[in-house]
PDB file of N, CA and C in Angstrom:
ATOM      1  N   MET A   1     134.234  89.125  78.400  1.00  0.00           N
ATOM      2  CA  MET A   1     133.414  88.043  78.850  1.00  0.00           C
ATOM      3  C   MET A   1     133.300  86.977  77.744  1.00  0.00           C
ATOM      4  N   GLU A   2     133.175  87.402  76.445  1.00  0.00           N
ATOM      5  CA  GLU A   2     133.066  86.518  75.317  1.00  0.00           C
ATOM      6  C   GLU A   2     134.323  85.642  75.202  1.00  0.00           C
ATOM      7  N   HIS A   3     135.457  86.286  75.442  1.00  0.00           N
ATOM      8  CA  HIS A   3     136.743  85.516  75.376  1.00  0.00           C
ATOM      9  C   HIS A   3     136.770  84.422  76.447  1.00  0.00           C
ATOM     10  N   LEU A   4     136.294  84.742  77.606  1.00  0.00           N
ATOM     11  CA  LEU A   4     136.237  83.715  78.699  1.00  0.00           C
ATOM     12  C   LEU A   4     135.291  82.598  78.346  1.00  0.00           C
ATOM     13  N   GLU A   5     134.167  82.943  77.762  1.00  0.00           N
ATOM     14  CA  GLU A   5     133.181  81.881  77.375  1.00  0.00           C
ATOM     15  C   GLU A   5     133.839  81.014  76.296  1.00  0.00           C
ATOM     16  N   ASP A   6     134.573  81.553  75.354  1.00  0.00           N
ATOM     17  CA  ASP A   6     135.274  80.770  74.327  1.00  0.00           C
ATOM     18  C   ASP A   6     136.255  79.757  74.970  1.00  0.00           C
ATOM     19  N   LYS A   7     136.936  80.238  76.004  1.00  0.00           N
ATOM     20  CA  LYS A   7     137.948  79.359  76.695  1.00  0.00           C
ATOM     21  C   LYS A   7     137.144  78.252  77.455  1.00  0.00           C
ATOM     22  N   ILE A   8     136.010  78.550  77.955  1.00  0.00           N
ATOM     23  CA  ILE A   8     135.204  77.547  78.677  1.00  0.00           C
ATOM     24  C   ILE A   8     134.726  76.515  77.718  1.00  0.00           C
ATOM     25  N   VAL A   9     134.228  76.939  76.556  1.00  0.00           N
ATOM     26  CA  VAL A   9     133.711  76.052  75.519  1.00  0.00           C
ATOM     27  C   VAL A   9     134.878  75.156  75.070  1.00  0.00           C
ATOM     28  N   GLU A  10     136.032  75.751  74.900  1.00  0.00           N
ATOM     29  CA  GLU A  10     137.236  74.978  74.496  1.00  0.00           C
ATOM     30  C   GLU A  10     137.516  73.896  75.450  1.00  0.00           C
ATOM     31  N   ILE A  11     137.459  74.154  76.756  1.00  0.00           N
ATOM     32  CA  ILE A  11     137.760  73.128  77.758  1.00  0.00           C
ATOM     33  C   ILE A  11     136.655  72.077  77.784  1.00  0.00           C
ATOM     34  N   LEU A  12     135.371  72.511  77.608  1.00  0.00           N
ATOM     35  CA  LEU A  12     134.246  71.565  77.592  1.00  0.00           C
ATOM     36  C   LEU A  12     134.387  70.543  76.480  1.00  0.00           C
ATOM     37  N   LYS A  13     135.010  70.999  75.407  1.00  0.00           N
ATOM     38  CA  LYS A  13     135.210  70.116  74.211  1.00  0.00           C
ATOM     39  C   LYS A  13     136.324  69.102  74.478  1.00  0.00           C
ATOM     40  N   THR A  14     136.970  69.103  75.638  1.00  0.00           N
ATOM     41  CA  THR A  14     137.970  68.125  75.971  1.00  0.00           C
ATOM     42  C   THR A  14     137.377  67.009  76.887  1.00  0.00           C
ATOM     43  N   ILE A  15     136.085  67.152  77.211  1.00  0.00           N
ATOM     44  CA  ILE A  15     135.433  66.171  78.086  1.00  0.00           C
ATOM     45  C   ILE A  15     134.516  65.337  77.245  1.00  0.00           C
ATOM     46  N   PHE A  16     134.726  64.020  77.367  1.00  0.00           N
ATOM     47  CA  PHE A  16     133.943  63.119  76.535  1.00  0.00           C
ATOM     48  C   PHE A  16     133.008  62.244  77.369  1.00  0.00           C
ATOM     49  N   ASP A  17     131.817  61.945  76.824  1.00  0.00           N
ATOM     50  CA  ASP A  17     130.941  61.010  77.363  1.00  0.00           C
ATOM     51  C   ASP A  17     131.633  59.653  77.211  1.00  0.00           C
ATOM     52  N   PRO A  18     131.831  58.867  78.236  1.00  0.00           N
ATOM     53  CA  PRO A  18     132.564  57.614  78.092  1.00  0.00           C
ATOM     54  C   PRO A  18     131.871  56.574  77.166  1.00  0.00           C
ATOM     55  N   GLU A  19     130.602  56.724  76.933  1.00  0.00           N
ATOM     56  CA  GLU A  19     129.856  55.740  76.130  1.00  0.00           C
ATOM     57  C   GLU A  19     129.783  56.157  74.652  1.00  0.00           C
ATOM     58  N   ILE A  20     130.024  57.467  74.420  1.00  0.00           N
ATOM     59  CA  ILE A  20     129.907  57.942  73.055  1.00  0.00           C
ATOM     60  C   ILE A  20     131.194  58.717  72.739  1.00  0.00           C
ATOM     61  N   PRO A  21     131.827  58.447  71.602  1.00  0.00           N
ATOM     62  CA  PRO A  21     133.141  59.068  71.356  1.00  0.00           C
ATOM     63  C   PRO A  21     133.019  60.509  70.816  1.00  0.00           C
ATOM     64  N   VAL A  22     132.236  61.317  71.507  1.00  0.00           N
ATOM     65  CA  VAL A  22     132.055  62.717  71.113  1.00  0.00           C
ATOM     66  C   VAL A  22     132.036  63.541  72.381  1.00  0.00           C
ATOM     67  N   ASP A  23     132.650  64.764  72.336  1.00  0.00           N
ATOM     68  CA  ASP A  23     132.720  65.579  73.506  1.00  0.00           C
ATOM     69  C   ASP A  23     131.317  66.059  73.926  1.00  0.00           C
ATOM     70  N   ILE A  24     131.156  66.389  75.218  1.00  0.00           N
ATOM     71  CA  ILE A  24     129.925  66.763  75.807  1.00  0.00           C
ATOM     72  C   ILE A  24     129.271  68.040  75.201  1.00  0.00           C
ATOM     73  N   TYR A  25     130.125  68.898  74.695  1.00  0.00           N
ATOM     74  CA  TYR A  25     129.630  70.143  74.067  1.00  0.00           C
ATOM     75  C   TYR A  25     128.988  69.865  72.764  1.00  0.00           C
ATOM     76  N   GLU A  26     129.651  69.086  71.920  1.00  0.00           N
ATOM     77  CA  GLU A  26     129.118  68.735  70.596  1.00  0.00           C
ATOM     78  C   GLU A  26     127.936  67.810  70.700  1.00  0.00           C
ATOM     79  N   LEU A  27     127.920  67.013  71.790  1.00  0.00           N
ATOM     80  CA  LEU A  27     126.741  66.164  71.995  1.00  0.00           C
ATOM     81  C   LEU A  27     125.478  66.929  72.361  1.00  0.00           C
ATOM     82  N   GLY A  28     125.638  68.169  72.737  1.00  0.00           N
ATOM     83  CA  GLY A  28     124.477  68.985  73.132  1.00  0.00           C
ATOM     84  C   GLY A  28     124.094  68.841  74.587  1.00  0.00           C
ATOM     85  N   LEU A  29     125.071  68.371  75.373  1.00  0.00           N
ATOM     86  CA  LEU A  29     124.771  68.162  76.810  1.00  0.00           C
ATOM     87  C   LEU A  29     124.860  69.457  77.613  1.00  0.00           C
ATOM     88  N   ILE A  30     125.541  70.424  77.036  1.00  0.00           N
ATOM     89  CA  ILE A  30     125.610  71.727  77.746  1.00  0.00           C
ATOM     90  C   ILE A  30     124.501  72.614  77.214  1.00  0.00           C
ATOM     91  N   TYR A  31     123.572  72.944  78.098  1.00  0.00           N
ATOM     92  CA  TYR A  31     122.393  73.774  77.726  1.00  0.00           C
ATOM     93  C   TYR A  31     122.707  75.263  77.815  1.00  0.00           C
ATOM     94  N   GLU A  32     123.407  75.641  78.856  1.00  0.00           N
ATOM     95  CA  GLU A  32     123.658  77.102  79.030  1.00  0.00           C
ATOM     96  C   GLU A  32     124.884  77.319  79.874  1.00  0.00           C
ATOM     97  N   VAL A  33     125.657  78.396  79.515  1.00  0.00           N
ATOM     98  CA  VAL A  33     126.801  78.806  80.288  1.00  0.00           C
ATOM     99  C   VAL A  33     126.621  80.280  80.654  1.00  0.00           C
ATOM    100  N   ARG A  34     126.575  80.575  81.922  1.00  0.00           N
ATOM    101  CA  ARG A  34     126.414  81.918  82.446  1.00  0.00           C
ATOM    102  C   ARG A  34     127.660  82.330  83.231  1.00  0.00           C
ATOM    103  N   ILE A  35     128.167  83.547  82.943  1.00  0.00           N
ATOM    104  CA  ILE A  35     129.379  83.982  83.627  1.00  0.00           C
ATOM    105  C   ILE A  35     129.094  85.313  84.322  1.00  0.00           C
ATOM    106  N   SER A  36     129.389  85.430  85.621  1.00  0.00           N
ATOM    107  CA  SER A  36     129.251  86.666  86.297  1.00  0.00           C
ATOM    108  C   SER A  36     130.493  87.508  86.102  1.00  0.00           C
ATOM    109  N   LYS A  37     130.388  88.788  86.441  1.00  0.00           N
ATOM    110  CA  LYS A  37     131.481  89.715  86.336  1.00  0.00           C
ATOM    111  C   LYS A  37     132.674  89.283  87.200  1.00  0.00           C
ATOM    112  N   GLU A  38     132.355  88.539  88.287  1.00  0.00           N
ATOM    113  CA  GLU A  38     133.322  88.044  89.223  1.00  0.00           C
ATOM    114  C   GLU A  38     134.026  86.747  88.751  1.00  0.00           C
ATOM    115  N   GLY A  39     133.585  86.251  87.640  1.00  0.00           N
ATOM    116  CA  GLY A  39     134.182  85.015  87.077  1.00  0.00           C
ATOM    117  C   GLY A  39     133.525  83.741  87.641  1.00  0.00           C
ATOM    118  N   VAL A  40     132.355  83.824  88.225  1.00  0.00           N
ATOM    119  CA  VAL A  40     131.631  82.685  88.655  1.00  0.00           C
ATOM    120  C   VAL A  40     130.831  82.117  87.485  1.00  0.00           C
ATOM    121  N   VAL A  41     130.989  80.850  87.201  1.00  0.00           N
ATOM    122  CA  VAL A  41     130.381  80.196  86.040  1.00  0.00           C
ATOM    123  C   VAL A  41     129.255  79.297  86.542  1.00  0.00           C
ATOM    124  N   GLU A  42     128.084  79.471  85.915  1.00  0.00           N
ATOM    125  CA  GLU A  42     126.946  78.558  86.149  1.00  0.00           C
ATOM    126  C   GLU A  42     126.665  77.815  84.837  1.00  0.00           C
ATOM    127  N   LEU A  43     126.714  76.499  84.903  1.00  0.00           N
ATOM    128  CA  LEU A  43     126.486  75.664  83.751  1.00  0.00           C
ATOM    129  C   LEU A  43     125.220  74.847  83.949  1.00  0.00           C
ATOM    130  N   ASP A  44     124.309  74.861  82.999  1.00  0.00           N
ATOM    131  CA  ASP A  44     123.166  73.976  82.952  1.00  0.00           C
ATOM    132  C   ASP A  44     123.544  72.866  81.967  1.00  0.00           C
ATOM    133  N   MET A  45     123.593  71.645  82.461  1.00  0.00           N
ATOM    134  CA  MET A  45     123.879  70.556  81.543  1.00  0.00           C
ATOM    135  C   MET A  45     122.979  69.363  81.847  1.00  0.00           C
ATOM    136  N   THR A  46     122.923  68.458  80.900  1.00  0.00           N
ATOM    137  CA  THR A  46     122.107  67.246  81.071  1.00  0.00           C
ATOM    138  C   THR A  46     122.984  66.037  80.841  1.00  0.00           C
ATOM    139  N   LEU A  47     122.414  64.918  80.940  1.00  0.00           N
ATOM    140  CA  LEU A  47     123.096  63.669  80.628  1.00  0.00           C
ATOM    141  C   LEU A  47     122.246  62.935  79.556  1.00  0.00           C
ATOM    142  N   THR A  48     122.938  61.998  78.940  1.00  0.00           N
ATOM    143  CA  THR A  48     122.176  61.303  77.836  1.00  0.00           C
ATOM    144  C   THR A  48     121.001  60.521  78.395  1.00  0.00           C
ATOM    145  N   SER A  49     121.049  60.151  79.645  1.00  0.00           N
ATOM    146  CA  SER A  49     119.892  59.552  80.319  1.00  0.00           C
ATOM    147  C   SER A  49     120.028  59.742  81.818  1.00  0.00           C
ATOM    148  N   PRO A  50     118.922  59.751  82.558  1.00  0.00           N
ATOM    149  CA  PRO A  50     119.001  59.903  83.988  1.00  0.00           C
ATOM    150  C   PRO A  50     119.782  58.748  84.685  1.00  0.00           C
ATOM    151  N   ASN A  51     119.831  57.617  84.013  1.00  0.00           N
ATOM    152  CA  ASN A  51     120.567  56.457  84.546  1.00  0.00           C
ATOM    153  C   ASN A  51     121.988  56.349  84.080  1.00  0.00           C
ATOM    154  N   CYS A  52     122.508  57.480  83.562  1.00  0.00           N
ATOM    155  CA  CYS A  52     123.860  57.484  82.998  1.00  0.00           C
ATOM    156  C   CYS A  52     124.853  57.035  84.008  1.00  0.00           C
ATOM    157  N   PRO A  53     125.754  56.078  83.676  1.00  0.00           N
ATOM    158  CA  PRO A  53     126.717  55.517  84.629  1.00  0.00           C
ATOM    159  C   PRO A  53     127.718  56.590  85.187  1.00  0.00           C
ATOM    160  N   VAL A  54     127.877  57.661  84.516  1.00  0.00           N
ATOM    161  CA  VAL A  54     128.806  58.708  84.972  1.00  0.00           C
ATOM    162  C   VAL A  54     128.009  59.946  85.599  1.00  0.00           C
ATOM    163  N   ALA A  55     126.822  59.685  86.055  1.00  0.00           N
ATOM    164  CA  ALA A  55     125.973  60.781  86.578  1.00  0.00           C
ATOM    165  C   ALA A  55     126.645  61.489  87.746  1.00  0.00           C
ATOM    166  N   GLU A  56     127.469  60.838  88.491  1.00  0.00           N
ATOM    167  CA  GLU A  56     128.145  61.479  89.630  1.00  0.00           C
ATOM    168  C   GLU A  56     129.520  62.000  89.224  1.00  0.00           C
ATOM    169  N   SER A  57     130.266  61.309  88.414  1.00  0.00           N
ATOM    170  CA  SER A  57     131.630  61.731  88.113  1.00  0.00           C
ATOM    171  C   SER A  57     131.676  62.789  87.060  1.00  0.00           C
ATOM    172  N   LEU A  58     130.850  62.730  86.017  1.00  0.00           N
ATOM    173  CA  LEU A  58     130.933  63.683  84.926  1.00  0.00           C
ATOM    174  C   LEU A  58     130.708  65.140  85.373  1.00  0.00           C
ATOM    175  N   PRO A  59     129.705  65.439  86.157  1.00  0.00           N
ATOM    176  CA  PRO A  59     129.538  66.859  86.602  1.00  0.00           C
ATOM    177  C   PRO A  59     130.735  67.358  87.429  1.00  0.00           C
ATOM    178  N   LYS A  60     131.318  66.425  88.206  1.00  0.00           N
ATOM    179  CA  LYS A  60     132.491  66.780  88.973  1.00  0.00           C
ATOM    180  C   LYS A  60     133.637  67.143  88.122  1.00  0.00           C
ATOM    181  N   ASP A  61     133.813  66.302  87.014  1.00  0.00           N
ATOM    182  CA  ASP A  61     134.882  66.588  86.054  1.00  0.00           C
ATOM    183  C   ASP A  61     134.644  67.899  85.317  1.00  0.00           C
ATOM    184  N   VAL A  62     133.444  68.188  84.980  1.00  0.00           N
ATOM    185  CA  VAL A  62     133.110  69.442  84.274  1.00  0.00           C
ATOM    186  C   VAL A  62     133.446  70.605  85.198  1.00  0.00           C
ATOM    187  N   LYS A  63     133.047  70.565  86.431  1.00  0.00           N
ATOM    188  CA  LYS A  63     133.326  71.634  87.420  1.00  0.00           C
ATOM    189  C   LYS A  63     134.843  71.845  87.514  1.00  0.00           C
ATOM    190  N   GLU A  64     135.576  70.793  87.756  1.00  0.00           N
ATOM    191  CA  GLU A  64     137.046  70.910  87.921  1.00  0.00           C
ATOM    192  C   GLU A  64     137.710  71.507  86.684  1.00  0.00           C
ATOM    193  N   LYS A  65     137.314  71.042  85.490  1.00  0.00           N
ATOM    194  CA  LYS A  65     137.944  71.531  84.265  1.00  0.00           C
ATOM    195  C   LYS A  65     137.578  73.005  84.061  1.00  0.00           C
ATOM    196  N   VAL A  66     136.292  73.393  84.248  1.00  0.00           N
ATOM    197  CA  VAL A  66     135.910  74.775  84.046  1.00  0.00           C
ATOM    198  C   VAL A  66     136.654  75.698  85.054  1.00  0.00           C
ATOM    199  N   GLU A  67     136.789  75.241  86.298  1.00  0.00           N
ATOM    200  CA  GLU A  67     137.499  76.007  87.322  1.00  0.00           C
ATOM    201  C   GLU A  67     138.977  76.154  87.019  1.00  0.00           C
ATOM    202  N   SER A  68     139.546  75.288  86.129  1.00  0.00           N
ATOM    203  CA  SER A  68     140.908  75.392  85.770  1.00  0.00           C
ATOM    204  C   SER A  68     141.197  76.482  84.672  1.00  0.00           C
ATOM    205  N   VAL A  69     140.091  77.025  84.116  1.00  0.00           N
ATOM    206  CA  VAL A  69     140.230  78.069  83.078  1.00  0.00           C
ATOM    207  C   VAL A  69     140.630  79.376  83.737  1.00  0.00           C
ATOM    208  N   GLU A  70     141.636  80.007  83.246  1.00  0.00           N
ATOM    209  CA  GLU A  70     142.090  81.285  83.762  1.00  0.00           C
ATOM    210  C   GLU A  70     140.975  82.316  83.666  1.00  0.00           C
ATOM    211  N   GLY A  71     140.657  83.006  84.754  1.00  0.00           N
ATOM    212  CA  GLY A  71     139.579  83.952  84.795  1.00  0.00           C
ATOM    213  C   GLY A  71     138.311  83.416  85.437  1.00  0.00           C
ATOM    214  N   VAL A  72     138.265  82.119  85.618  1.00  0.00           N
ATOM    215  CA  VAL A  72     137.072  81.533  86.341  1.00  0.00           C
ATOM    216  C   VAL A  72     137.475  81.390  87.776  1.00  0.00           C
ATOM    217  N   THR A  73     136.629  81.981  88.660  1.00  0.00           N
ATOM    218  CA  THR A  73     136.861  81.918  90.109  1.00  0.00           C
ATOM    219  C   THR A  73     136.169  80.751  90.750  1.00  0.00           C
ATOM    220  N   GLU A  74     135.066  80.332  90.157  1.00  0.00           N
ATOM    221  CA  GLU A  74     134.242  79.260  90.742  1.00  0.00           C
ATOM    222  C   GLU A  74     133.328  78.741  89.659  1.00  0.00           C
ATOM    223  N   ALA A  75     132.956  77.441  89.730  1.00  0.00           N
ATOM    224  CA  ALA A  75     131.963  76.906  88.763  1.00  0.00           C
ATOM    225  C   ALA A  75     130.962  76.095  89.481  1.00  0.00           C
ATOM    226  N   HIS A  76     129.679  76.206  89.034  1.00  0.00           N
ATOM    227  CA  HIS A  76     128.581  75.410  89.527  1.00  0.00           C
ATOM    228  C   HIS A  76     127.951  74.704  88.375  1.00  0.00           C
ATOM    229  N   VAL A  77     127.764  73.394  88.478  1.00  0.00           N
ATOM    230  CA  VAL A  77     127.140  72.587  87.470  1.00  0.00           C
ATOM    231  C   VAL A  77     125.719  72.184  87.921  1.00  0.00           C
ATOM    232  N   ASN A  78     124.758  72.601  87.187  1.00  0.00           N
ATOM    233  CA  ASN A  78     123.403  72.186  87.454  1.00  0.00           C
ATOM    234  C   ASN A  78     122.966  71.142  86.500  1.00  0.00           C
ATOM    235  N   ILE A  79     122.621  69.947  86.981  1.00  0.00           N
ATOM    236  CA  ILE A  79     122.124  68.879  86.150  1.00  0.00           C
ATOM    237  C   ILE A  79     120.601  69.058  85.959  1.00  0.00           C
ATOM    238  N   VAL A  80     120.223  69.126  84.742  1.00  0.00           N
ATOM    239  CA  VAL A  80     118.786  69.354  84.404  1.00  0.00           C
ATOM    240  C   VAL A  80     118.326  68.277  83.387  1.00  0.00           C
ATOM    241  N   PHE A  81     117.071  67.919  83.455  1.00  0.00           N
ATOM    242  CA  PHE A  81     116.551  66.963  82.502  1.00  0.00           C
ATOM    243  C   PHE A  81     115.389  67.522  81.727  1.00  0.00           C
ATOM    244  N   ASP A  82     115.251  68.846  81.748  1.00  0.00           N
ATOM    245  CA  ASP A  82     114.171  69.511  81.031  1.00  0.00           C
ATOM    246  C   ASP A  82     114.797  70.587  80.150  1.00  0.00           C
ATOM    247  N   PRO A  83     114.815  70.469  78.843  1.00  0.00           N
ATOM    248  CA  PRO A  83     114.171  69.407  78.095  1.00  0.00           C
ATOM    249  C   PRO A  83     115.105  68.167  78.123  1.00  0.00           C
ATOM    250  N   PRO A  84     114.457  66.978  77.952  1.00  0.00           N
ATOM    251  CA  PRO A  84     115.306  65.780  77.894  1.00  0.00           C
ATOM    252  C   PRO A  84     116.143  65.781  76.664  1.00  0.00           C
ATOM    253  N   TRP A  85     117.373  65.255  76.842  1.00  0.00           N
ATOM    254  CA  TRP A  85     118.281  65.202  75.726  1.00  0.00           C
ATOM    255  C   TRP A  85     117.827  64.171  74.723  1.00  0.00           C
ATOM    256  N   ASP A  86     118.059  64.519  73.414  1.00  0.00           N
ATOM    257  CA  ASP A  86     117.890  63.533  72.392  1.00  0.00           C
ATOM    258  C   ASP A  86     118.922  63.850  71.253  1.00  0.00           C
ATOM    259  N   LYS A  87     119.056  62.963  70.314  1.00  0.00           N
ATOM    260  CA  LYS A  87     120.141  63.075  69.303  1.00  0.00           C
ATOM    261  C   LYS A  87     119.988  64.328  68.479  1.00  0.00           C
ATOM    262  N   ASP A  88     118.802  64.943  68.402  1.00  0.00           N
ATOM    263  CA  ASP A  88     118.673  66.166  67.603  1.00  0.00           C
ATOM    264  C   ASP A  88     119.411  67.371  68.224  1.00  0.00           C
ATOM    265  N   MET A  89     119.851  67.206  69.482  1.00  0.00           N
ATOM    266  CA  MET A  89     120.598  68.278  70.165  1.00  0.00           C
ATOM    267  C   MET A  89     122.064  68.315  69.822  1.00  0.00           C
ATOM    268  N   MET A  90     122.512  67.271  69.142  1.00  0.00           N
ATOM    269  CA  MET A  90     123.919  67.164  68.739  1.00  0.00           C
ATOM    270  C   MET A  90     124.242  68.171  67.612  1.00  0.00           C
ATOM    271  N   SER A  91     125.492  68.585  67.606  1.00  0.00           N
ATOM    272  CA  SER A  91     125.942  69.426  66.527  1.00  0.00           C
ATOM    273  C   SER A  91     126.024  68.591  65.235  1.00  0.00           C
ATOM    274  N   GLU A  92     126.121  69.303  64.107  1.00  0.00           N
ATOM    275  CA  GLU A  92     126.302  68.575  62.826  1.00  0.00           C
ATOM    276  C   GLU A  92     127.544  67.741  62.829  1.00  0.00           C
ATOM    277  N   GLU A  93     128.591  68.277  63.458  1.00  0.00           N
ATOM    278  CA  GLU A  93     129.877  67.556  63.620  1.00  0.00           C
ATOM    279  C   GLU A  93     129.717  66.283  64.362  1.00  0.00           C
ATOM    280  N   ALA A  94     128.997  66.286  65.469  1.00  0.00           N
ATOM    281  CA  ALA A  94     128.763  65.086  66.243  1.00  0.00           C
ATOM    282  C   ALA A  94     127.918  64.088  65.483  1.00  0.00           C
ATOM    283  N   LYS A  95     126.871  64.612  64.811  1.00  0.00           N
ATOM    284  CA  LYS A  95     126.015  63.666  64.012  1.00  0.00           C
ATOM    285  C   LYS A  95     126.836  62.980  62.933  1.00  0.00           C
ATOM    286  N   LEU A  96     127.736  63.721  62.251  1.00  0.00           N
ATOM    287  CA  LEU A  96     128.582  63.201  61.244  1.00  0.00           C
ATOM    288  C   LEU A  96     129.525  62.163  61.830  1.00  0.00           C
ATOM    289  N   GLU A  97     130.158  62.492  62.961  1.00  0.00           N
ATOM    290  CA  GLU A  97     131.030  61.583  63.651  1.00  0.00           C
ATOM    291  C   GLU A  97     130.404  60.214  63.978  1.00  0.00           C
ATOM    292  N   LEU A  98     129.152  60.315  64.399  1.00  0.00           N
ATOM    293  CA  LEU A  98     128.430  59.090  64.852  1.00  0.00           C
ATOM    294  C   LEU A  98     127.628  58.415  63.710  1.00  0.00           C
ATOM    295  N   GLY A  99     127.698  58.980  62.518  1.00  0.00           N
ATOM    296  CA  GLY A  99     127.078  58.343  61.381  1.00  0.00           C
ATOM    297  C   GLY A  99     125.541  58.658  61.212  1.00  0.00           C
ATOM    298  N   PHE A 100     125.122  59.723  61.819  1.00  0.00           N
ATOM    299  CA  PHE A 100     123.739  60.114  61.775  1.00  0.00           C
ATOM    300  C   PHE A 100     123.438  60.953  60.513  1.00  0.00           C
ATOM    301  N   LEU A 101     124.474  61.352  59.795  1.00  0.00           N
ATOM    302  CA  LEU A 101     124.330  62.196  58.592  1.00  0.00           C
ATOM    303  C   LEU A 101     124.874  61.459  57.405  1.00  0.00           C
TER     304      LEU A 101
END
């Protein structure tokens, strides 16, 4: 299961927020990844703001890319806004990339 989660994280790191040149995983937009024994993936993710221009397309992209990972049978993306995203949720790498460090 851990190997599958690593592959999912790897694919999430190929998806970028179009307004910020950092991937959605390093931005801290992925809150939780749950994987069932059957390979069904549940992702809780957020957006940088509720009015994000990619609010419809980004979750669809995440779903499609996660479902392309070998071993994943299905993916569900839950958009949540609790807790609200802020820059403190970014990884050190993302903060460095964006000049916050």
